[in-house]
Amino acid sequence: MVKLSGLGVLSGSQGEIYGKCPVTGDLLTLDDIIPVKATKAAKPRPVQSGSLPGLIGMFQNEWDTLMLSTFALEQQLRAAREELSHALYQHDAACRVIARLKKEKDEARTLLAQAERQIPTSTAANANAVLSNGKRALEDEELGPGGKRIRPGITSEIIAELTDCNATLSGQRKKRQISSTLMPSAALEKFTQLSSHPLHKTSKPGILSVDIHPSKDVIATGGVDANAVIFDRSSEQILCTLTGHSKKVTTVKFVSRDEMFVTGSVDKTVRIWQETENGNYNCRHILKDHTAEVQAVSIHATNNYFVTASLDNTWCFYDLASGLCLTQVGEASEEEGYTAAAFHPDGLILGTGTSQAQVRIWDVKTQANVANFDGHVGPVTSMSFSENGYFLATAAHDGVKLWDLRKLRNFRTFTPYDSNTSTNSVEFDFSGNYLAVAGSDIRIYQTANVKSEWNSIITFPDLSGTGKVTDVKFGPDAKYLAVASMERNLRILGLPEGKEDRYEEP
C-alpha cells in the first residue's frame, strides 16, 4: 500500500483517492488506483475526561450550570406569583367597589320608591283639603275645648249602612252551614311544617303581625325592621315590600275589596296602601291622629271603615276611602292604653283590650262603653270573636279567657304556659270550629258550647328557636296555618303534599 503525499485528493462521491505517484511522479489512472476502505475516525476525548479529577471538574461545571438555570426559574416563578397576587388584590378591590355600587343603587331605588309612594294620589281639586300624607290640614280643622280637634262623627247615613250590614250578616250567619271542605280535626293532628320563608331583615329579626287575604293565597307580615311584606304562598315569592314606617310594624290588615291594605306602627302612624296594576302598593294616606304607638287595626265588615287602637288610650273610627278620622274615642293617658281591638262579625260591636288587663265592649253607633270584662293579668295582647258571634276569646300574660257575649261572663280559661310566658295571640278560624293559641308554642283547640269541653287537638313546637310565637292565622278552610315569631321567617304549617286527598269528602 502506497502512502499518499500532499498531492493526493479525495473524491467525495466515490470515497477514493486520486493523484500522482510519489515515486515516479506519473499520474495515476483509475486502473492504477486501489480503493482504500477505513472506518470512520472517532472524535478524540477531551483531555480533562481522561482522568478522574477531570471528570469531577466537568460534572461540577454541569451541576453549576443546572443550579444557575434552577435559580433563574425560581426567580421567574417568584415574579409570576407577585404578579398573580397583585392581580387578585385588584380583582378583590374591584368586587368590593361593585358590591358597594350595587348597595347604593338598591338604596337609591328604595328611596325613590318610597318617595313615589308618598306623592299625593288625590287630584288637584281636593289637594287643598287633604295633605299628601292623608292627614287633614290643621288650619282647616276646628278645635274644641282644650285644643282637641272636632271630628265629623259617625253620621246617620253611616249608622244606617252599619245597621243594614249587621242585619244582612246576622241573617246569613243563622243559615250558614259548615263548609264541606273544612279541614277535619283528624287532619289538623297531621299538620307539620311545610315551608319557612325569610321575609324580613336579618339585622332586625322578628315578625309581629300576620294577616291572610280572604280571597287570595296571599299573606302579609309586619316586622321589627319597620317593613310590611306581601307574600304569595302558592309561588313562594315576595310580591312587594312596603317601606315607609320608621319603627316596628305592629299590625297589618287586608281589605277584602278594592285591593287595599292597612298597617299600624310604633311610629304612631297608620298607613293605607293601594295596590297598583303592576302588583306594587302605593301609600295613599298616612294617618297621624294618635300620639302613641298604634297597637291594633280592625277592618269593618262593610270594608268601608276601620278602627285603630293606640297606647294613647284612644281608638279611632276611619273612613277607608278618604282616610278621614270620623271619631276618636277616649282621653289621652300615659298610664293606660289600648293594646288590642277587633270588630264583632256583625259590625255593630267593637272589642278592645287595654294595657291594664281590661276588656271593653263598645256600641259602634253610639261609641258607648256597654260592658267591661275583668280578670286578666297583664296587658291584653290579642282578641278574636267567634264566627257565630256568641264568644270572644282574649289573650294576656296569664293565658286565654273565653267570654259569653249573651250573658257577659267568662265561662272558660286556658292557662297553657307558666307564669313567665305570655300568651301572644288567639284566633278563631273563619268557620268558628277551631281556636289557635300562640305563646311559646302553637296550640289548636276544638271549639264547643259553654257547657262542653274545648279539647286540645294538637300542640306544635316553636321551630324558630326563639321561644316566642307572636301571631298565628288560619288559612281558608283551615287548610294551613301561618305562624310568626321573633325571627325573620314566616312558617307555614299544613298537611304534607299527597295527604290532603285522604281527608277530602267524596
Protein backbone atom coordinates (compact mmCIF):
# COMPACT_ATOMS: atom_id res chain seq x y z
CA MET A 1 0.00 0.00 0.00
CA VAL A 2 1.31 3.36 -1.03
CA LYS A 3 1.34 6.31 1.39
CA LEU A 4 -0.20 9.38 -0.06
CA SER A 5 1.55 12.73 -0.26
CA GLY A 6 0.05 16.12 -0.17
CA LEU A 7 -0.69 15.78 -3.91
CA GLY A 8 -3.48 13.33 -3.44
CA VAL A 9 -7.10 14.32 -3.32
CA LEU A 10 -10.18 12.57 -2.03
CA SER A 11 -13.25 12.07 -4.20
CA GLY A 12 -16.35 12.85 -2.13
CA SER A 13 -18.65 10.92 -4.48
CA GLN A 14 -16.62 7.69 -4.77
CA GLY A 15 -14.78 7.63 -1.47
CA GLU A 16 -11.45 7.10 -3.40
CA ILE A 17 -8.05 8.86 -3.69
CA TYR A 18 -6.55 10.22 -6.95
CA GLY A 19 -3.17 11.89 -7.55
CA LYS A 20 0.45 11.44 -8.72
CA CYS A 21 2.61 8.56 -7.87
CA PRO A 22 5.00 9.64 -5.10
CA VAL A 23 7.88 7.64 -6.64
CA THR A 24 7.65 8.22 -10.38
CA GLY A 25 5.52 11.32 -10.39
CA ASP A 26 3.25 9.81 -13.03
CA LEU A 27 -0.42 10.47 -12.98
CA LEU A 28 -2.41 7.65 -11.65
CA THR A 29 -5.31 6.29 -13.67
CA LEU A 30 -8.35 4.61 -12.41
CA ASP A 31 -6.85 1.20 -13.11
CA ASP A 32 -3.78 2.01 -11.03
CA ILE A 33 -5.77 3.02 -8.01
CA ILE A 34 -6.68 0.54 -5.32
CA PRO A 35 -9.69 1.54 -3.23
CA VAL A 36 -8.89 2.09 0.46
CA LYS A 37 -11.73 1.38 2.90
CA ALA A 38 -11.40 2.52 6.50
CA THR A 39 -13.71 3.00 9.47
CA LYS A 40 -14.83 6.49 10.45
CA ALA A 41 -12.45 8.04 12.89
CA ALA A 42 -13.93 8.73 16.40
CA LYS A 43 -13.71 12.18 17.89
CA PRO A 44 -10.93 12.23 20.42
CA ARG A 45 -11.93 12.73 24.07
CA PRO A 46 -11.22 15.99 25.83
CA VAL A 47 -8.09 15.94 27.89
CA GLN A 48 -9.94 16.55 31.17
CA SER A 49 -12.13 13.46 30.69
CA GLY A 50 -9.17 11.24 30.64
CA SER A 51 -8.72 11.43 34.40
CA LEU A 52 -10.89 11.23 37.49
CA PRO A 53 -10.23 14.81 38.62
CA GLY A 54 -11.08 15.98 35.11
CA LEU A 55 -14.40 14.11 35.17
CA ILE A 56 -15.23 15.55 38.59
CA GLY A 57 -14.46 19.04 37.34
CA MET A 58 -16.64 18.51 34.27
CA PHE A 59 -19.53 17.24 36.43
CA GLN A 60 -19.08 20.23 38.73
CA ASN A 61 -19.41 22.61 35.79
CA GLU A 62 -22.57 20.90 34.59
CA TRP A 63 -24.01 20.99 38.16
CA ASP A 64 -23.26 24.71 38.43
CA THR A 65 -24.98 25.30 35.13
CA LEU A 66 -28.03 23.35 36.32
CA MET A 67 -28.18 25.30 39.59
CA LEU A 68 -27.97 28.62 37.75
CA SER A 69 -30.80 27.52 35.48
CA THR A 70 -32.89 26.44 38.50
CA PHE A 71 -32.24 29.75 40.26
CA ALA A 72 -33.36 31.65 37.17
CA LEU A 73 -36.57 29.57 37.05
CA GLU A 74 -37.26 30.24 40.75
CA GLN A 75 -36.87 33.96 40.20
CA GLN A 76 -39.30 33.78 37.27
CA LEU A 77 -41.79 31.81 39.46
CA ARG A 78 -41.49 34.38 42.27
CA ALA A 79 -42.13 37.21 39.84
CA ALA A 80 -45.17 35.35 38.41
CA ARG A 81 -46.55 34.82 41.93
CA GLU A 82 -46.17 38.50 42.75
CA GLU A 83 -47.97 39.46 39.54
CA LEU A 84 -50.77 36.97 40.32
CA SER A 85 -51.11 38.27 43.89
CA HIS A 86 -51.35 41.84 42.63
CA ALA A 87 -53.98 40.82 40.06
CA LEU A 88 -56.05 39.01 42.72
CA TYR A 89 -55.87 42.06 45.01
CA GLN A 90 -57.08 44.28 42.20
CA HIS A 91 -59.89 41.81 41.46
CA ASP A 92 -60.97 41.75 45.11
CA ALA A 93 -60.91 45.54 45.28
CA ALA A 94 -63.00 45.72 42.10
CA CYS A 95 -65.54 43.27 43.60
CA ARG A 96 -65.85 45.41 46.73
CA VAL A 97 -66.40 48.53 44.65
CA ILE A 98 -69.06 46.73 42.58
CA ALA A 99 -70.82 45.49 45.72
CA ARG A 100 -70.80 49.00 47.21
CA LEU A 101 -72.20 50.46 43.99
CA LYS A 102 -74.94 47.81 43.90
CA LYS A 103 -75.86 48.58 47.51
CA GLU A 104 -76.01 52.30 46.76
CA LYS A 105 -78.13 51.57 43.70
CA ASP A 106 -80.57 49.45 45.73
CA GLU A 107 -80.79 52.12 48.43
CA ALA A 108 -81.42 54.77 45.81
CA ARG A 109 -84.19 52.66 44.27
CA THR A 110 -85.74 52.11 47.70
CA LEU A 111 -85.71 55.84 48.43
CA LEU A 112 -87.18 56.54 45.00
CA ALA A 113 -89.98 54.01 45.54
CA GLN A 114 -90.66 55.47 48.98
CA ALA A 115 -90.81 58.97 47.52
CA GLU A 116 -93.16 57.81 44.76
CA ARG A 117 -95.49 56.21 47.33
CA GLN A 118 -95.65 59.45 49.29
CA ILE A 119 -96.65 61.51 46.27
CA PRO A 120 -100.27 62.54 46.75
CA THR A 121 -102.75 60.44 44.77
CA SER A 122 -105.58 62.93 45.20
CA THR A 123 -106.48 65.28 42.42
CA ALA A 124 -105.80 68.98 42.38
CA ALA A 125 -109.41 69.64 43.35
CA ASN A 126 -109.01 68.21 46.82
CA ALA A 127 -105.30 68.86 47.23
CA ASN A 128 -106.02 71.89 49.38
CA ALA A 129 -108.23 69.89 51.73
CA VAL A 130 -106.08 66.80 52.25
CA LEU A 131 -102.32 66.70 52.52
CA SER A 132 -100.22 64.10 50.66
CA ASN A 133 -99.79 62.15 53.89
CA GLY A 134 -103.54 61.74 54.27
CA LYS A 135 -103.89 63.97 57.32
CA ARG A 136 -106.21 66.93 57.36
CA ALA A 137 -104.54 70.29 57.29
CA LEU A 138 -104.51 71.73 60.77
CA GLU A 139 -105.67 75.11 59.66
CA ASP A 140 -108.84 73.61 58.16
CA GLU A 141 -109.76 71.73 61.34
CA GLU A 142 -111.95 73.08 64.06
CA LEU A 143 -110.60 72.84 67.57
CA GLY A 144 -112.82 72.30 70.58
CA PRO A 145 -112.22 72.96 74.27
CA GLY A 146 -108.69 72.21 75.36
CA GLY A 147 -107.46 72.33 71.77
CA LYS A 148 -108.99 68.95 70.96
CA ARG A 149 -109.90 68.50 67.31
CA ILE A 150 -113.60 68.28 66.48
CA ARG A 151 -114.37 65.16 64.42
CA PRO A 152 -117.21 64.90 61.89
CA GLY A 153 -118.66 61.96 63.83
CA ILE A 154 -120.44 58.85 62.64
CA THR A 155 -123.37 60.28 60.67
CA SER A 156 -126.86 58.83 60.44
CA GLU A 157 -126.10 57.65 56.90
CA ILE A 158 -123.11 55.69 58.15
CA ILE A 159 -125.14 54.27 61.04
CA ALA A 160 -127.79 53.14 58.56
CA GLU A 161 -125.10 51.48 56.47
CA LEU A 162 -123.68 49.68 59.52
CA THR A 163 -127.17 48.60 60.61
CA ASP A 164 -128.03 47.20 57.18
CA CYS A 165 -124.74 45.31 57.13
CA ASN A 166 -125.49 43.91 60.58
CA ALA A 167 -128.95 42.69 59.54
CA THR A 168 -127.61 41.05 56.40
CA LEU A 169 -124.75 39.27 58.11
CA SER A 170 -126.90 38.15 61.05
CA GLY A 171 -129.42 36.58 58.69
CA GLN A 172 -126.70 34.86 56.67
CA ARG A 173 -124.98 33.55 59.78
CA LYS A 174 -128.07 31.73 61.03
CA LYS A 175 -128.42 29.90 57.71
CA ARG A 176 -124.71 29.20 57.20
CA GLN A 177 -123.62 25.57 57.25
CA ILE A 178 -120.15 24.28 58.00
CA SER A 179 -118.20 24.05 54.75
CA SER A 180 -117.70 20.54 53.39
CA THR A 181 -114.13 21.50 52.53
CA LEU A 182 -113.23 22.46 56.09
CA MET A 183 -110.16 20.58 57.28
CA PRO A 184 -111.26 17.95 59.85
CA SER A 185 -109.65 17.78 63.26
CA ALA A 186 -108.04 14.44 62.39
CA ALA A 187 -106.19 16.19 59.57
CA LEU A 188 -105.04 19.01 61.85
CA GLU A 189 -103.32 16.41 64.00
CA LYS A 190 -101.16 15.51 60.98
CA PHE A 191 -100.05 19.08 60.29
CA THR A 192 -96.32 19.66 60.00
CA GLN A 193 -94.09 22.49 58.80
CA LEU A 194 -94.37 22.77 55.02
CA SER A 195 -92.06 25.72 54.43
CA SER A 196 -90.15 28.59 56.02
CA HIS A 197 -89.64 31.91 54.23
CA PRO A 198 -87.13 34.64 55.23
CA LEU A 199 -89.18 37.80 54.59
CA HIS A 200 -87.57 40.37 56.87
CA LYS A 201 -84.10 41.70 57.61
CA THR A 202 -81.54 39.57 59.40
CA SER A 203 -80.22 42.60 61.28
CA LYS A 204 -83.68 43.23 62.85
CA PRO A 205 -85.43 39.85 63.09
CA GLY A 206 -88.96 39.47 64.32
CA ILE A 207 -92.45 39.32 62.75
CA LEU A 208 -95.10 40.97 64.94
CA SER A 209 -98.25 40.56 62.87
CA VAL A 210 -99.68 38.29 60.15
CA ASP A 211 -102.80 38.52 58.01
CA ILE A 212 -104.16 36.38 55.15
CA HIS A 213 -106.13 37.81 52.23
CA PRO A 214 -109.71 36.46 52.38
CA SER A 215 -109.91 35.62 48.66
CA LYS A 216 -106.29 35.26 47.53
CA ASP A 217 -103.48 32.93 48.53
CA VAL A 218 -101.51 35.94 49.77
CA ILE A 219 -100.06 36.57 53.23
CA ALA A 220 -98.95 39.88 54.78
CA THR A 221 -96.44 40.30 57.60
CA GLY A 222 -95.33 43.27 59.69
CA GLY A 223 -91.83 43.23 61.12
CA VAL A 224 -89.47 44.70 63.66
CA ASP A 225 -87.48 46.05 60.68
CA ALA A 226 -90.30 48.61 60.04
CA ASN A 227 -91.33 46.87 56.81
CA ALA A 228 -94.52 45.14 55.73
CA VAL A 229 -94.18 42.28 53.25
CA ILE A 230 -96.79 40.91 50.82
CA PHE A 231 -96.05 37.23 50.14
CA ASP A 232 -97.62 34.85 47.58
CA ARG A 233 -97.89 31.43 49.22
CA SER A 234 -98.55 29.42 46.05
CA SER A 235 -95.49 30.73 44.18
CA GLU A 236 -93.48 31.26 47.40
CA GLN A 237 -92.41 34.69 46.13
CA ILE A 238 -92.36 38.13 47.76
CA LEU A 239 -94.78 40.30 45.79
CA CYS A 240 -93.91 43.59 47.45
CA THR A 241 -92.01 45.04 50.41
CA LEU A 242 -93.70 48.14 51.80
CA THR A 243 -91.34 50.68 53.32
CA GLY A 244 -92.19 53.99 54.92
CA HIS A 245 -92.75 53.34 58.61
CA SER A 246 -89.83 54.48 60.74
CA LYS A 247 -90.36 51.93 63.55
CA LYS A 248 -91.79 48.46 64.13
CA VAL A 249 -94.93 47.50 62.20
CA THR A 250 -97.24 46.15 64.90
CA THR A 251 -100.35 45.29 62.88
CA VAL A 252 -101.27 44.52 59.25
CA LYS A 253 -104.74 44.01 57.77
CA PHE A 254 -106.04 43.25 54.27
CA VAL A 255 -109.22 44.87 52.99
CA SER A 256 -111.12 42.19 51.09
CA ARG A 257 -112.10 44.54 48.28
CA ASP A 258 -110.57 47.45 46.37
CA GLU A 259 -107.14 45.78 46.86
CA MET A 260 -106.32 47.93 49.87
CA PHE A 261 -104.10 47.22 52.84
CA VAL A 262 -103.66 48.91 56.25
CA THR A 263 -100.62 48.96 58.55
CA GLY A 264 -100.04 50.38 62.02
CA SER A 265 -96.72 51.11 63.66
CA VAL A 266 -94.83 52.08 66.80
CA ASP A 267 -94.08 55.36 64.98
CA LYS A 268 -97.67 56.44 65.93
CA THR A 269 -98.92 56.38 62.34
CA VAL A 270 -101.32 54.31 60.28
CA ARG A 271 -100.81 53.88 56.54
CA ILE A 272 -103.39 52.98 53.91
CA TRP A 273 -101.92 51.27 50.84
CA GLN A 274 -103.48 50.80 47.41
CA GLU A 275 -102.44 48.03 45.04
CA THR A 276 -101.39 49.18 41.56
CA GLU A 277 -101.68 47.47 38.18
CA ASN A 278 -98.12 46.16 38.37
CA GLY A 279 -98.74 44.44 41.71
CA ASN A 280 -96.97 47.00 43.90
CA TYR A 281 -98.65 49.00 46.67
CA ASN A 282 -98.65 52.78 46.88
CA CYS A 283 -99.25 54.66 50.12
CA ARG A 284 -102.49 56.63 49.75
CA HIS A 285 -102.73 58.08 53.24
CA ILE A 286 -100.58 58.50 56.35
CA LEU A 287 -102.80 58.97 59.37
CA LYS A 288 -101.34 60.83 62.35
CA ASP A 289 -104.24 61.10 64.74
CA HIS A 290 -102.65 59.04 67.54
CA THR A 291 -100.00 60.33 69.92
CA ALA A 292 -98.58 56.94 70.94
CA GLU A 293 -97.87 53.52 69.44
CA VAL A 294 -100.61 52.04 67.25
CA GLN A 295 -101.22 48.51 68.52
CA ALA A 296 -104.17 47.20 66.51
CA VAL A 297 -106.21 47.68 63.33
CA SER A 298 -109.57 46.05 62.59
CA ILE A 299 -111.50 46.27 59.30
CA HIS A 300 -115.28 46.62 59.45
CA ALA A 301 -117.43 44.05 57.64
CA THR A 302 -118.58 46.71 55.13
CA ASN A 303 -114.94 47.12 54.04
CA ASN A 304 -115.60 50.87 54.05
CA TYR A 305 -114.39 51.66 57.57
CA PHE A 306 -111.76 50.55 60.03
CA VAL A 307 -110.72 51.11 63.64
CA THR A 308 -107.28 51.71 65.14
CA ALA A 309 -106.30 51.30 68.79
CA SER A 310 -103.33 53.02 70.40
CA LEU A 311 -101.40 53.21 73.64
CA ASP A 312 -102.57 56.85 73.88
CA ASN A 313 -105.80 55.36 75.34
CA THR A 314 -107.95 56.24 72.31
CA TRP A 315 -109.44 54.35 69.39
CA CYS A 316 -110.28 55.97 66.07
CA PHE A 317 -113.02 55.16 63.57
CA TYR A 318 -111.89 55.95 59.99
CA ASP A 319 -113.41 56.21 56.55
CA LEU A 320 -111.23 53.92 54.45
CA ALA A 321 -111.53 55.72 51.12
CA SER A 322 -110.65 59.22 52.34
CA GLY A 323 -108.52 58.32 55.36
CA LEU A 324 -110.64 60.73 57.43
CA CYS A 325 -110.96 60.11 61.17
CA LEU A 326 -114.71 60.29 61.81
CA THR A 327 -114.43 59.96 65.58
CA GLN A 328 -111.75 59.47 68.22
CA VAL A 329 -112.94 57.87 71.44
CA GLY A 330 -111.15 58.15 74.77
CA GLU A 331 -108.94 60.56 76.62
CA ALA A 332 -105.17 60.57 76.29
CA SER A 333 -103.47 58.83 79.18
CA GLU A 334 -99.91 57.85 79.96
CA GLU A 335 -100.95 55.21 82.49
CA GLU A 336 -103.32 53.19 80.32
CA GLY A 337 -103.69 52.48 76.62
CA TYR A 338 -105.33 50.14 74.15
CA THR A 339 -103.32 47.07 73.13
CA ALA A 340 -105.89 45.12 71.08
CA ALA A 341 -109.07 45.73 69.08
CA ALA A 342 -111.48 43.69 66.95
CA PHE A 343 -114.89 44.17 65.33
CA HIS A 344 -117.69 41.73 66.06
CA PRO A 345 -118.54 39.72 62.89
CA ASP A 346 -121.81 41.65 62.51
CA GLY A 347 -120.08 45.01 62.82
CA LEU A 348 -122.07 46.88 65.49
CA ILE A 349 -119.89 45.85 68.43
CA LEU A 350 -116.22 46.64 68.97
CA GLY A 351 -113.97 44.90 71.46
CA THR A 352 -110.82 46.50 72.85
CA GLY A 353 -108.15 45.32 75.28
CA THR A 354 -106.11 47.59 77.50
CA SER A 355 -102.64 47.63 79.00
CA GLN A 356 -104.33 47.37 82.42
CA ALA A 357 -105.76 43.88 81.70
CA GLN A 358 -109.32 45.06 80.99
CA VAL A 359 -111.54 44.04 78.07
CA ARG A 360 -114.07 46.66 76.96
CA ILE A 361 -117.09 46.22 74.71
CA TRP A 362 -118.34 49.24 72.71
CA ASP A 363 -121.50 50.10 70.80
CA VAL A 364 -120.13 51.38 67.49
CA LYS A 365 -123.21 53.51 66.70
CA THR A 366 -123.08 55.49 69.92
CA GLN A 367 -119.43 54.88 70.86
CA ALA A 368 -120.66 53.96 74.34
CA ASN A 369 -118.80 51.51 76.58
CA VAL A 370 -121.53 48.91 77.17
CA ALA A 371 -119.57 46.22 79.06
CA ASN A 372 -116.24 45.57 80.76
CA PHE A 373 -114.57 42.21 81.41
CA ASP A 374 -112.01 41.93 84.20
CA GLY A 375 -109.88 39.03 85.32
CA HIS A 376 -106.79 39.04 83.13
CA VAL A 377 -103.27 39.60 84.42
CA GLY A 378 -101.07 41.85 82.30
CA PRO A 379 -101.85 43.68 79.05
CA VAL A 380 -104.44 42.14 76.72
CA THR A 381 -102.31 41.05 73.75
CA SER A 382 -104.94 39.70 71.34
CA MET A 383 -108.67 39.16 70.87
CA SER A 384 -110.91 37.33 68.42
CA PHE A 385 -114.69 36.95 68.01
CA SER A 386 -116.12 33.57 67.03
CA GLU A 387 -117.91 33.31 63.70
CA ASN A 388 -121.32 32.74 65.35
CA GLY A 389 -120.88 35.97 67.29
CA TYR A 390 -121.53 34.34 70.68
CA PHE A 391 -117.98 34.11 72.03
CA LEU A 392 -115.00 36.38 72.48
CA ALA A 393 -111.53 34.96 73.10
CA THR A 394 -108.92 37.23 74.70
CA ALA A 395 -105.25 36.59 75.44
CA ALA A 396 -102.99 38.14 78.05
CA HIS A 397 -99.97 37.27 80.15
CA ASP A 398 -101.99 34.80 82.24
CA GLY A 399 -103.44 32.84 79.30
CA VAL A 400 -106.71 32.82 77.33
CA LYS A 401 -110.21 33.62 78.57
CA LEU A 402 -113.46 32.80 76.74
CA TRP A 403 -116.37 35.19 77.25
CA ASP A 404 -120.06 34.52 76.64
CA LEU A 405 -121.37 37.70 75.00
CA ARG A 406 -125.01 36.75 75.67
CA LYS A 407 -124.54 36.57 79.44
CA LEU A 408 -121.45 38.79 79.61
CA ARG A 409 -119.39 36.38 81.68
CA ASN A 410 -116.24 34.32 81.50
CA PHE A 411 -117.06 30.63 81.06
CA ARG A 412 -113.63 29.09 80.43
CA THR A 413 -109.95 29.89 80.98
CA PHE A 414 -106.92 28.25 79.39
CA THR A 415 -103.57 28.55 81.15
CA PRO A 416 -101.24 26.89 78.64
CA TYR A 417 -97.96 28.37 79.87
CA ASP A 418 -96.13 29.13 83.08
CA SER A 419 -96.16 32.50 84.83
CA ASN A 420 -93.06 33.66 82.94
CA THR A 421 -94.54 33.07 79.46
CA SER A 422 -97.12 35.37 77.92
CA THR A 423 -99.87 34.29 75.54
CA ASN A 424 -99.32 36.48 72.50
CA SER A 425 -102.07 35.55 70.06
CA VAL A 426 -105.54 33.97 69.97
CA GLU A 427 -107.52 33.39 66.76
CA PHE A 428 -110.77 31.67 65.73
CA ASP A 429 -110.80 30.21 62.22
CA PHE A 430 -113.44 31.58 59.82
CA SER A 431 -115.81 28.66 60.46
CA GLY A 432 -115.58 29.08 64.22
CA ASN A 433 -114.71 25.40 64.71
CA TYR A 434 -111.11 25.86 65.80
CA LEU A 435 -109.24 28.18 68.15
CA ALA A 436 -105.48 28.78 67.84
CA VAL A 437 -103.40 29.96 70.79
CA ALA A 438 -99.77 31.08 70.49
CA GLY A 439 -97.11 31.78 73.11
CA SER A 440 -94.01 29.65 73.45
CA ASP A 441 -95.71 27.16 71.08
CA ILE A 442 -98.91 26.87 68.99
CA ARG A 443 -101.97 25.05 70.34
CA ILE A 444 -105.16 24.22 68.45
CA TYR A 445 -108.47 23.65 70.28
CA GLN A 446 -111.77 22.23 69.10
CA THR A 447 -114.49 24.78 69.86
CA ALA A 448 -117.68 23.75 71.64
CA ASN A 449 -120.51 25.41 73.55
CA VAL A 450 -120.47 26.97 77.00
CA LYS A 451 -121.04 23.72 78.88
CA SER A 452 -118.95 21.35 76.77
CA GLU A 453 -115.22 20.89 77.00
CA TRP A 454 -112.96 22.66 74.49
CA ASN A 455 -110.50 19.87 73.77
CA SER A 456 -106.92 20.40 72.65
CA ILE A 457 -106.32 18.89 69.21
CA ILE A 458 -102.57 19.30 68.80
CA THR A 459 -99.60 21.34 70.03
CA PHE A 460 -96.91 22.49 67.62
CA PRO A 461 -93.47 23.41 69.00
CA ASP A 462 -91.86 26.73 68.18
CA LEU A 463 -89.44 25.75 65.42
CA SER A 464 -87.88 29.21 65.32
CA GLY A 465 -85.92 28.56 68.49
CA THR A 466 -86.84 32.00 69.88
CA GLY A 467 -89.40 30.68 72.35
CA LYS A 468 -91.89 33.40 71.34
CA VAL A 469 -94.60 32.89 68.72
CA THR A 470 -96.06 36.35 68.09
CA ASP A 471 -99.03 35.64 65.81
CA VAL A 472 -100.90 32.80 64.12
CA LYS A 473 -103.63 32.83 61.45
CA PHE A 474 -105.78 30.12 59.84
CA GLY A 475 -105.82 29.83 56.06
CA PRO A 476 -109.12 29.34 54.18
CA ASP A 477 -110.99 26.25 55.45
CA ALA A 478 -108.15 25.77 57.97
CA LYS A 479 -106.04 24.26 55.17
CA TYR A 480 -102.89 25.70 56.68
CA LEU A 481 -101.54 27.90 59.46
CA ALA A 482 -99.36 30.99 59.01
CA VAL A 483 -97.06 31.38 62.02
CA ALA A 484 -94.92 34.40 63.00
CA SER A 485 -92.25 34.53 65.69
CA MET A 486 -89.34 36.66 66.84
CA GLU A 487 -87.21 35.68 63.85
CA ARG A 488 -87.29 36.81 60.24
CA ASN A 489 -89.01 33.69 58.84
CA LEU A 490 -92.70 33.15 58.13
CA ARG A 491 -93.57 29.49 58.73
CA ILE A 492 -96.38 27.58 57.02
CA LEU A 493 -97.90 24.53 58.75
CA GLY A 494 -100.16 22.11 56.89
CA LEU A 495 -100.60 18.62 55.53
CA PRO A 496 -97.67 17.22 53.52
CA GLU A 497 -98.25 17.06 49.78
CA GLY A 498 -100.20 13.99 48.74
CA LYS A 499 -102.04 13.55 52.06
CA GLU A 500 -104.77 16.16 51.58
CA ASP A 501 -106.88 13.86 49.41
CA ARG A 502 -107.25 11.39 52.28
CA TYR A 503 -109.35 13.88 54.24
CA GLU A 504 -111.49 15.26 51.43
CA GLU A 505 -115.10 14.13 51.40
CA PRO A 506 -116.27 12.39 48.22
